[in-house]
Structures are given as C-alpha cells and as structure tokens.
C-alpha cells in the first residue's frame, strides 16, 4: 500500500508539472489567451502561467522552477532534472 501511494504521488506531481509547463493552470483551468488584431492581422498571446527559474544547480544538476497563475494566484515550485 505504501509503495502504491508513493508512486501515485510522483505520478500526480509529474502530471501537474506537465500541465503547468504547457501553460494551463491545474487549479482554475485558465489557458493562454489569444487576442487577434484584425487591422494588422496579428495575433498576441497573453500567458496565464508565469514561469521563472529559482535556482540552477550547474550543468548536470536540477533546475527549480516557480510557476504562478495570474488568474487565481496559484504558486508552485517544481524541480526538473537535466
């Protein structure tokens, strides 16, 4: 039971990271907004999720990212290995 719980936790954490990395908020479901300017035929994208690097641990280490949703204020920190 314990091993299953740990595996489920890591799967959910990985799934949440992938969702945030794609630009969708897992809490409120907001996506990147696309604004079309019909006069100039240009497309502007306004991202809902802000991503910034908190700490980089060298060329072979892990990178810590902070994701913040501008709609609901969700703030999460995830680590990704290189």
Protein backbone atom coordinates (compact mmCIF):
# COMPACT_ATOMS: atom_id res chain seq x y z
CA UNK A 1 0.00 0.00 0.00
CA UNK A 2 2.82 2.39 0.86
CA UNK A 3 4.63 1.80 -2.44
CA UNK A 4 1.42 2.41 -4.38
CA UNK A 5 0.86 5.68 -2.50
CA UNK A 6 4.36 6.92 -3.25
CA UNK A 7 4.06 6.01 -6.94
CA UNK A 8 0.69 7.77 -7.17
CA UNK A 9 2.16 10.90 -5.53
CA UNK A 10 5.02 11.09 -8.05
CA UNK A 11 2.66 10.48 -10.96
CA UNK A 12 0.35 13.31 -9.85
CA UNK A 13 3.29 15.65 -9.27
CA UNK A 14 4.67 14.88 -12.74
CA UNK A 15 1.25 15.37 -14.30
CA UNK A 16 0.84 18.72 -12.54
CA UNK A 17 4.27 19.86 -13.74
CA UNK A 18 3.41 18.92 -17.34
CA UNK A 19 0.11 20.81 -17.11
CA UNK A 20 1.77 23.93 -15.73
CA UNK A 21 4.59 23.72 -18.27
CA UNK A 22 2.08 23.63 -21.12
CA UNK A 23 0.52 26.90 -19.89
CA UNK A 24 -2.68 25.62 -18.26
CA UNK A 25 -3.49 26.22 -14.59
CA UNK A 26 -4.47 22.95 -12.86
CA UNK A 27 -6.46 24.79 -10.16
CA UNK A 28 -8.69 27.12 -12.18
CA UNK A 29 -8.25 25.73 -15.72
CA UNK A 30 -7.19 29.04 -17.29
CA UNK A 31 -5.28 28.84 -20.56
CA UNK A 32 -3.15 31.22 -22.60
CA UNK A 33 -5.34 33.99 -24.01
CA UNK A 34 -5.08 34.79 -27.72
CA UNK A 35 -6.02 38.28 -28.88
CA UNK A 36 -6.46 38.90 -32.61
CA UNK A 37 -5.85 42.32 -34.12
CA UNK A 38 -7.98 42.40 -37.26
CA UNK A 39 -6.50 45.69 -38.52
CA UNK A 40 -2.95 44.35 -38.81
CA UNK A 41 -3.72 40.60 -38.91
CA UNK A 42 -1.50 39.96 -35.89
CA UNK A 43 -2.00 37.58 -33.03
CA UNK A 44 -0.99 38.36 -29.44
CA UNK A 45 -0.64 35.66 -26.80
CA UNK A 46 -1.08 36.56 -23.14
CA UNK A 47 0.20 33.72 -20.94
CA UNK A 48 -1.69 32.97 -17.73
CA UNK A 49 1.17 30.98 -16.17
CA UNK A 50 4.39 32.82 -15.38
CA UNK A 51 7.46 30.58 -15.21
CA UNK A 52 10.76 31.61 -13.70
CA UNK A 53 13.93 29.82 -12.66
CA UNK A 54 14.57 29.94 -8.93
CA UNK A 55 17.83 28.03 -8.85
CA UNK A 56 20.01 26.17 -11.32
CA UNK A 57 22.39 23.58 -9.92
CA UNK A 58 25.03 23.59 -12.64
CA UNK A 59 25.29 21.77 -15.94
CA UNK A 60 24.35 18.33 -14.61
CA UNK A 61 22.13 19.30 -11.70
CA UNK A 62 18.46 20.04 -11.28
CA UNK A 63 16.59 23.23 -12.10
CA UNK A 64 13.94 24.64 -9.75
CA UNK A 65 11.05 26.41 -11.47
CA UNK A 66 8.39 28.60 -9.91
CA UNK A 67 5.00 28.67 -11.65
CA UNK A 68 2.49 31.41 -10.81
CA UNK A 69 -1.04 31.78 -12.17
CA UNK A 70 -2.13 35.36 -12.79
CA UNK A 71 -5.84 34.42 -12.60
CA UNK A 72 -6.16 32.55 -9.30
CA UNK A 73 -2.78 33.24 -7.65
CA UNK A 74 -1.63 29.61 -7.57
CA UNK A 75 2.08 29.35 -6.81
CA UNK A 76 4.05 26.09 -7.10
CA UNK A 77 7.71 25.13 -7.18
CA UNK A 78 8.82 22.11 -9.21
CA UNK A 79 12.23 20.55 -9.83
CA UNK A 80 13.31 19.19 -13.20
CA UNK A 81 16.50 17.29 -13.86
CA UNK A 82 18.54 17.94 -16.97
